[in-house]
Amino acid sequence: MTAPLVVIGTGLAGYNLVKEFRKANSDRPVIMLTSDDGRQYSKPMLSTGFSKQKDAAGLAMNDAGAMAEQLQIEIRTHQTITAINPAEKIISLGDENIAYGDLVLALGAEPFQLPIEGAEHLYHVNDLMDYDRFYQAVEGKKRVLVLGAGLVGCEYAHDLASAGFEVELVAPDSQPLSRLIPAQCGEALIPALEALGVNLHLEKAVTSVSPQGEGYVAQLSDGSEIQADVMLSAVGLKPRVALAQAAALDVNRAIVVDRYLKTSADNIYAIGDCAEVEGLNLLYVLPLMNCARALAKTLAGTPTQVSYPVMPVMVKTPSLPIVTCPPLENSVGEWQIDGQSPHFKALFKDSEGNLLGYALTGDCVAEKMALNKELPAMLA
């Protein structure tokens, strides 16, 4: 009997991989293991749920049972994997061992934990079960403090404010989205957020959180305080690598894989937020989908390298549309910015005038398709 394909993780990466694999191979046994309840959902929708008045059940598309039936696989929920033995091709779940033919790590990323006093009072939303807990925590409440002005922080602030919450947004950055877009573009988002009722506290950090009455109070680095009913930390994610490190797989920023998504161990692959392909660890949906299609073919017997086309990031802030294709890390060049706030066209070009990245805000997002044709593929 063919040893099963085992996939650890039932997020977007895991489920999309198995869906693609089943298109090419309908017979091989597949076992999916997950630490959560295995419901299928689209992670990007977690930061649009409040404005759409959707609880966790409303965002879920299928439960684990339905997915197991649809894909003709075994799904085991609420599992804790204690070890991987690449030499024996065995996964340990406490006292139980599972043998695999091929193993795929679709472990995702985990929220960065702020090293501050009272951090245990902060909510994080990184999966559907987190969303469920946070949704219940804010029910009947009014004021939410969001820590972080990156992609997720800005999207959550926008979503919560659109749903009628009073939102306080605190971040050490001088502008929103500072890692994705140039300063002028980021500053254009400030009035759009403020018009929704978001109070921004930029160039400040939360230094501690403590209970106060039925809510909490956050101490800021400038000595001021903010009171809120619930506090949400959205300060970034880090790839889950502990399981891979313990199995002596090569790990850098994330689990190191080649363009076939293979790790340093035979028959073990990694995909999604936990994987680093040719030095690229991209925590977005489009890279994940490209990887799922390529790896499914490889696992079905047709070795296929992943390629990354131009993959713009759409920021979910409807009051000011923003799309960006940031230049790759260590790209040499400079931003050229045209327009008037809030409508900016920012192009990142090298010394020879080659386009290496862009950021578009407001009406200028209409130029996305034309610019995509000018950009080189991220991984040809």
Protein backbone atom coordinates (compact mmCIF):
# COMPACT_ATOMS: atom_id res chain seq x y z
CA MET A 1 0.00 0.00 0.00
CA THR A 2 1.23 3.48 -0.88
CA ALA A 3 2.45 5.39 2.17
CA PRO A 4 0.19 8.38 2.69
CA LEU A 5 0.83 11.98 1.85
CA VAL A 6 0.68 13.76 5.19
CA VAL A 7 0.00 17.50 5.35
CA ILE A 8 0.42 19.39 8.62
CA GLY A 9 -1.91 22.40 8.60
CA THR A 10 -5.42 23.05 7.28
CA GLY A 11 -5.08 26.74 6.44
CA LEU A 12 -5.12 28.21 2.93
CA ALA A 13 -1.81 26.53 2.08
CA GLY A 14 -2.76 23.06 3.26
CA TYR A 15 -6.24 22.91 1.82
CA ASN A 16 -5.30 24.49 -1.52
CA LEU A 17 -2.41 22.09 -1.93
CA VAL A 18 -4.64 19.05 -1.32
CA LYS A 19 -7.35 20.41 -3.65
CA GLU A 20 -4.75 20.80 -6.42
CA PHE A 21 -3.24 17.39 -5.65
CA ARG A 22 -6.63 15.68 -5.91
CA LYS A 23 -7.03 17.06 -9.44
CA ALA A 24 -4.00 14.99 -10.45
CA ASN A 25 -4.29 12.03 -8.08
CA SER A 26 -7.61 10.79 -6.75
CA ASP A 27 -6.36 7.56 -5.15
CA ARG A 28 -3.39 8.20 -2.88
CA PRO A 29 -4.24 8.26 0.83
CA VAL A 30 -3.93 11.75 2.30
CA ILE A 31 -3.92 12.59 6.00
CA MET A 32 -4.19 16.19 7.19
CA LEU A 33 -3.23 17.06 10.76
CA THR A 34 -4.16 20.34 12.40
CA SER A 35 -3.93 21.89 15.84
CA ASP A 36 -7.24 23.72 15.35
CA ASP A 37 -10.77 22.62 14.39
CA GLY A 38 -10.01 22.26 10.69
CA ARG A 39 -12.71 24.59 9.37
CA GLN A 40 -12.05 25.92 5.89
CA TYR A 41 -12.01 29.70 5.57
CA SER A 42 -10.18 32.42 3.70
CA LYS A 43 -7.66 34.07 6.00
CA PRO A 44 -7.79 37.48 4.24
CA MET A 45 -11.46 37.65 5.19
CA LEU A 46 -10.55 37.78 8.88
CA SER A 47 -9.84 41.50 8.53
CA THR A 48 -13.14 42.29 6.78
CA GLY A 49 -15.53 40.33 8.98
CA PHE A 50 -16.77 43.06 11.30
CA SER A 51 -17.89 45.47 8.58
CA LYS A 52 -19.71 42.53 6.96
CA GLN A 53 -21.30 41.64 10.30
CA LYS A 54 -19.97 38.10 10.15
CA ASP A 55 -19.03 35.99 13.14
CA ALA A 56 -16.63 33.04 12.85
CA ALA A 57 -19.37 30.70 11.67
CA GLY A 58 -20.28 33.25 9.00
CA LEU A 59 -16.69 33.27 7.69
CA ALA A 60 -16.32 29.48 7.70
CA MET A 61 -17.00 27.80 4.37
CA ASN A 62 -16.85 24.14 5.45
CA ASP A 63 -16.11 22.14 8.58
CA ALA A 64 -13.43 19.45 8.71
CA GLY A 65 -15.95 16.67 8.08
CA ALA A 66 -17.20 18.29 4.88
CA MET A 67 -13.64 18.88 3.65
CA ALA A 68 -12.66 15.26 4.40
CA GLU A 69 -15.63 14.03 2.38
CA GLN A 70 -15.10 16.50 -0.46
CA LEU A 71 -11.41 15.64 -0.86
CA GLN A 72 -11.68 11.97 0.12
CA ILE A 73 -9.03 12.33 2.81
CA GLU A 74 -8.60 11.84 6.54
CA ILE A 75 -8.50 15.01 8.66
CA ARG A 76 -7.45 14.84 12.28
CA THR A 77 -8.20 17.99 14.28
CA HIS A 78 -6.79 19.32 17.58
CA GLN A 79 -3.57 17.36 17.12
CA THR A 80 -0.25 18.15 18.80
CA ILE A 81 2.76 16.98 16.81
CA THR A 82 5.70 16.32 19.09
CA ALA A 83 8.38 15.32 16.59
CA ILE A 84 9.28 14.53 12.99
CA ASN A 85 11.80 11.78 12.24
CA PRO A 86 13.04 12.31 8.65
CA ALA A 87 15.24 9.18 8.70
CA GLU A 88 12.36 6.88 9.66
CA LYS A 89 9.72 8.99 7.83
CA ILE A 90 7.58 9.11 10.95
CA ILE A 91 5.58 11.83 12.69
CA SER A 92 5.03 11.51 16.42
CA LEU A 93 1.80 12.59 18.08
CA GLY A 94 2.72 11.91 21.68
CA ASP A 95 2.53 8.12 22.02
CA GLU A 96 1.26 7.56 18.47
CA ASN A 97 3.37 7.46 15.31
CA ILE A 98 2.22 8.07 11.74
CA ALA A 99 4.34 6.90 8.80
CA TYR A 100 4.42 9.10 5.70
CA GLY A 101 5.55 8.72 2.13
CA ASP A 102 5.73 12.47 1.62
CA LEU A 103 5.27 15.14 4.27
CA VAL A 104 4.22 18.74 3.67
CA LEU A 105 4.67 21.39 6.34
CA ALA A 106 1.94 24.01 5.94
CA LEU A 107 2.46 25.40 9.42
CA GLY A 108 1.77 29.06 8.70
CA ALA A 109 3.07 31.91 10.83
CA GLU A 110 2.34 32.94 14.39
CA PRO A 111 1.74 36.38 15.87
CA PHE A 112 4.75 38.19 17.23
CA GLN A 113 4.41 38.48 21.00
CA LEU A 114 5.27 41.94 22.31
CA PRO A 115 7.76 41.79 25.20
CA ILE A 116 5.74 44.15 27.39
CA GLU A 117 4.14 43.92 30.80
CA GLY A 118 0.54 42.79 30.49
CA ALA A 119 0.95 41.30 26.99
CA GLU A 120 -1.31 38.43 28.08
CA HIS A 121 -4.26 40.84 27.93
CA LEU A 122 -3.78 41.43 24.19
CA TYR A 123 -5.82 39.53 21.60
CA HIS A 124 -4.32 38.28 18.34
CA VAL A 125 -6.28 37.25 15.26
CA ASN A 126 -4.31 34.80 13.15
CA ASP A 127 -6.90 32.11 12.43
CA LEU A 128 -10.63 31.48 12.62
CA MET A 129 -10.56 30.33 16.23
CA ASP A 130 -8.69 33.52 17.21
CA TYR A 131 -11.31 35.53 15.33
CA ASP A 132 -14.07 33.74 17.23
CA ARG A 133 -12.49 34.63 20.58
CA PHE A 134 -11.93 38.26 19.57
CA TYR A 135 -15.43 38.58 18.10
CA GLN A 136 -16.96 37.42 21.36
CA ALA A 137 -14.65 39.69 23.39
CA VAL A 138 -15.79 42.87 21.60
CA GLU A 139 -19.48 41.98 21.53
CA GLY A 140 -21.37 44.78 23.26
CA LYS A 141 -18.16 46.83 23.64
CA LYS A 142 -17.34 50.21 22.11
CA ARG A 143 -13.65 51.03 22.21
CA VAL A 144 -10.86 48.93 20.71
CA LEU A 145 -7.15 49.69 20.74
CA VAL A 146 -5.18 48.26 17.81
CA LEU A 147 -1.41 47.94 18.12
CA GLY A 148 0.44 48.13 14.81
CA ALA A 149 0.02 50.18 11.62
CA GLY A 150 1.22 47.60 9.14
CA LEU A 151 -1.02 45.75 6.68
CA VAL A 152 -3.07 43.82 9.24
CA GLY A 153 -3.24 46.65 11.78
CA CYS A 154 -4.55 49.14 9.23
CA GLU A 155 -7.04 46.65 7.80
CA TYR A 156 -8.37 45.82 11.26
CA ALA A 157 -8.61 49.47 12.29
CA HIS A 158 -10.54 50.21 9.09
CA ASP A 159 -12.81 47.19 9.49
CA LEU A 160 -13.62 47.82 13.16
CA ALA A 161 -14.25 51.54 12.61
CA SER A 162 -16.50 50.73 9.64
CA ALA A 163 -18.48 48.48 11.98
CA GLY A 164 -19.03 51.34 14.42
CA PHE A 165 -16.31 50.79 17.00
CA GLU A 166 -14.22 53.61 18.41
CA VAL A 167 -10.70 52.67 17.34
CA GLU A 168 -7.37 53.85 18.75
CA LEU A 169 -4.41 52.87 16.54
CA VAL A 170 -0.96 52.96 18.15
CA ALA A 171 2.30 52.34 16.28
CA PRO A 172 5.96 53.41 16.51
CA ASP A 173 5.99 54.15 12.76
CA SER A 174 5.72 57.70 11.44
CA GLN A 175 3.14 56.60 8.84
CA PRO A 176 0.81 53.66 8.16
CA LEU A 177 2.10 50.79 6.00
CA SER A 178 5.71 51.99 6.32
CA ARG A 179 7.21 48.68 5.16
CA LEU A 180 5.05 48.46 2.06
CA ILE A 181 4.72 51.95 0.60
CA PRO A 182 6.65 55.26 0.63
CA ALA A 183 5.86 57.95 3.20
CA GLN A 184 3.59 60.16 1.09
CA CYS A 185 1.40 57.21 0.15
CA GLY A 186 1.16 56.07 3.74
CA GLU A 187 0.33 59.56 4.96
CA ALA A 188 -2.54 59.69 2.44
CA LEU A 189 -4.24 56.90 4.39
CA ILE A 190 -4.31 58.94 7.61
CA PRO A 191 -7.24 61.25 6.69
CA ALA A 192 -9.19 58.27 5.32
CA LEU A 193 -8.82 56.41 8.63
CA GLU A 194 -9.59 59.54 10.64
CA ALA A 195 -12.76 60.14 8.64
CA LEU A 196 -13.96 56.71 9.78
CA GLY A 197 -13.28 57.68 13.38
CA VAL A 198 -9.86 56.06 13.89
CA ASN A 199 -7.61 57.99 16.28
CA LEU A 200 -3.98 57.51 15.27
CA HIS A 201 -1.13 57.65 17.77
CA LEU A 202 1.95 57.36 15.56
CA GLU A 203 5.61 57.40 16.63
CA LYS A 204 4.52 55.93 19.96
CA ALA A 205 4.72 52.43 21.40
CA VAL A 206 2.63 50.65 24.00
CA THR A 207 4.93 49.93 26.94
CA SER A 208 2.48 48.11 29.22
CA VAL A 209 -1.16 47.01 29.47
CA SER A 210 -3.09 46.58 32.70
CA PRO A 211 -6.71 45.88 33.65
CA GLN A 212 -8.80 48.87 34.70
CA GLY A 213 -12.45 48.41 35.65
CA GLU A 214 -14.10 46.29 32.99
CA GLY A 215 -11.50 47.27 30.39
CA TYR A 216 -7.79 47.99 30.10
CA VAL A 217 -5.38 50.90 30.09
CA ALA A 218 -2.30 51.06 27.87
CA GLN A 219 0.74 53.09 28.86
CA LEU A 220 2.46 54.71 25.88
CA SER A 221 6.12 55.55 25.39
CA ASP A 222 5.42 59.31 25.64
CA GLY A 223 3.87 58.88 29.08
CA SER A 224 0.27 59.15 27.93
CA GLU A 225 -2.46 56.55 28.52
CA ILE A 226 -5.27 55.09 26.42
CA GLN A 227 -8.26 53.29 27.87
CA ALA A 228 -10.10 50.66 25.82
CA ASP A 229 -12.51 47.79 26.30
CA VAL A 230 -10.43 45.35 24.25
CA MET A 231 -6.90 45.49 22.84
CA LEU A 232 -5.75 43.79 19.63
CA SER A 233 -2.09 43.24 18.79
CA ALA A 234 -1.37 43.29 15.06
CA VAL A 235 2.36 43.94 15.09
CA GLY A 236 3.42 41.22 12.69
CA LEU A 237 3.89 37.49 12.17
CA LYS A 238 6.85 35.14 12.26
CA PRO A 239 7.02 31.81 10.42
CA ARG A 240 6.46 28.70 12.53
CA VAL A 241 9.79 26.88 12.37
CA ALA A 242 10.20 25.10 15.73
CA LEU A 243 9.04 21.70 14.44
CA ALA A 244 11.40 21.94 11.46
CA GLN A 245 14.32 23.05 13.62
CA ALA A 246 13.77 20.15 16.01
CA ALA A 247 13.89 17.79 13.00
CA ALA A 248 17.23 19.38 11.95
CA LEU A 249 15.81 20.84 8.74
CA ASP A 250 17.53 23.92 7.32
CA VAL A 251 15.89 27.06 8.68
CA ASN A 252 16.73 30.68 7.97
CA ARG A 253 14.00 33.30 8.34
CA ALA A 254 11.60 30.45 7.55
CA ILE A 255 11.95 26.79 6.53
CA VAL A 256 14.40 26.78 3.64
CA VAL A 257 13.09 25.11 0.47
CA ASP A 258 14.22 24.93 -3.13
CA ARG A 259 11.99 25.82 -6.08
CA TYR A 260 10.37 22.40 -5.87
CA LEU A 261 9.38 23.39 -2.30
CA LYS A 262 11.60 20.59 -0.97
CA THR A 263 13.31 21.07 2.38
CA SER A 264 16.81 19.85 3.23
CA ALA A 265 15.31 16.40 4.01
CA ASP A 266 14.09 13.96 1.39
CA ASN A 267 10.31 13.66 1.01
CA ILE A 268 9.63 16.70 3.23
CA TYR A 269 8.27 19.88 1.69
CA ALA A 270 7.12 23.23 3.06
CA ILE A 271 4.58 25.69 1.69
CA GLY A 272 2.94 28.98 2.60
CA ASP A 273 3.91 31.39 5.35
CA CYS A 274 6.36 28.94 6.96
CA ALA A 275 8.44 28.48 3.77
CA GLU A 276 11.34 30.46 2.35
CA VAL A 277 11.74 29.97 -1.40
CA GLU A 278 15.03 31.22 -2.86
CA GLY A 279 15.31 33.64 0.05
CA LEU A 280 11.72 34.87 -0.32
CA ASN A 281 9.31 34.47 2.61
CA LEU A 282 6.13 36.16 1.37
CA LEU A 283 3.17 36.15 3.76
CA TYR A 284 0.51 36.70 1.09
CA VAL A 285 -2.07 34.63 -0.76
CA LEU A 286 -0.77 34.80 -4.35
CA PRO A 287 2.66 33.23 -3.63
CA LEU A 288 0.91 30.50 -1.65
CA MET A 289 -1.42 29.67 -4.56
CA ASN A 290 1.48 29.46 -7.01
CA CYS A 291 3.30 27.13 -4.62
CA ALA A 292 0.23 24.94 -4.14
CA ARG A 293 -0.17 24.37 -7.88
CA ALA A 294 3.52 23.58 -8.42
CA LEU A 295 3.91 21.31 -5.40
CA ALA A 296 0.73 19.38 -6.21
CA LYS A 297 2.21 18.49 -9.60
CA THR A 298 5.51 17.45 -8.02
CA LEU A 299 3.77 15.23 -5.46
CA ALA A 300 1.65 13.70 -8.25
CA GLY A 301 4.79 12.64 -10.12
CA THR A 302 5.61 15.61 -12.37
CA PRO A 303 8.45 17.59 -10.75
CA THR A 304 7.52 21.27 -11.17
CA GLN A 305 9.44 24.33 -10.05
CA VAL A 306 7.45 27.21 -8.61
CA SER A 307 7.64 30.57 -10.36
CA TYR A 308 6.42 33.87 -8.97
CA PRO A 309 4.90 36.29 -11.46
CA VAL A 310 4.18 39.92 -10.55
CA MET A 311 2.06 39.64 -7.40
CA PRO A 312 0.60 42.96 -6.19
CA VAL A 313 -0.75 43.31 -2.67
CA MET A 314 -4.23 44.80 -2.38
CA VAL A 315 -4.69 46.61 0.94
CA LYS A 316 -8.23 46.15 2.28
CA THR A 317 -8.92 49.79 3.18
CA PRO A 318 -11.95 50.61 0.96
CA SER A 319 -12.06 54.26 2.01
CA LEU A 320 -8.70 54.69 0.27
CA PRO A 321 -7.86 51.96 -2.25
CA ILE A 322 -4.17 51.01 -2.12
CA VAL A 323 -2.22 48.48 -4.17
CA THR A 324 1.50 47.90 -3.94
CA CYS A 325 4.21 45.73 -5.42
CA PRO A 326 7.12 46.53 -3.11
CA PRO A 327 10.63 46.21 -4.54
CA LEU A 328 12.48 43.11 -3.43
CA GLU A 329 14.65 43.42 -0.35
CA ASN A 330 18.09 44.92 -1.13
CA SER A 331 16.85 46.42 -4.43
CA VAL A 332 18.88 49.50 -5.32
CA GLY A 333 16.90 52.46 -6.62
CA GLU A 334 14.64 55.27 -5.51
CA TRP A 335 10.98 56.22 -5.38
CA GLN A 336 9.57 58.68 -7.91
CA ILE A 337 6.23 60.00 -6.71
CA ASP A 338 3.59 61.88 -8.72
CA GLY A 339 0.12 63.11 -7.80
CA GLN A 340 -1.69 64.93 -5.05
CA SER A 341 -3.04 63.40 -1.88
CA PRO A 342 -4.79 61.04 -1.68
CA HIS A 343 -4.09 60.01 -5.29
CA PHE A 344 -0.44 58.98 -5.65
CA LYS A 345 1.53 57.02 -8.20
CA ALA A 346 4.87 55.96 -6.74
CA LEU A 347 7.37 54.11 -8.93
CA PHE A 348 10.57 52.50 -7.62
CA LYS A 349 13.21 52.57 -10.36
CA ASP A 350 16.87 51.65 -10.60
CA SER A 351 19.57 53.95 -12.01
CA GLU A 352 18.80 52.79 -15.55
CA GLY A 353 15.10 53.59 -15.22
CA ASN A 354 13.90 50.00 -14.87
CA LEU A 355 10.73 49.60 -12.82
CA LEU A 356 11.31 47.43 -9.73
CA GLY A 357 8.20 48.20 -7.69
CA TYR A 358 5.23 50.50 -7.30
CA ALA A 359 2.63 51.84 -4.90
CA LEU A 360 -0.71 53.30 -6.02
CA THR A 361 -3.34 55.06 -3.93
CA GLY A 362 -6.82 56.41 -4.63
CA ASP A 363 -7.73 56.84 -8.30
CA CYS A 364 -4.21 55.82 -9.36
CA VAL A 365 -4.90 52.15 -8.58
CA ALA A 366 -6.44 52.02 -12.05
CA GLU A 367 -2.86 51.94 -13.44
CA LYS A 368 -2.10 48.61 -11.75
CA MET A 369 -2.51 46.38 -14.82
CA ALA A 370 -0.28 48.54 -17.03
CA LEU A 371 2.46 48.65 -14.40
CA ASN A 372 2.27 44.89 -13.82
CA LYS A 373 3.30 44.43 -17.46
CA GLU A 374 6.42 46.54 -16.88
CA LEU A 375 7.60 44.77 -13.75
CA PRO A 376 9.92 41.75 -13.90
CA ALA A 377 8.66 38.48 -12.42
CA MET A 378 9.64 38.00 -8.79
CA LEU A 379 10.91 34.47 -9.48
CA ALA A 380 11.03 33.74 -13.18
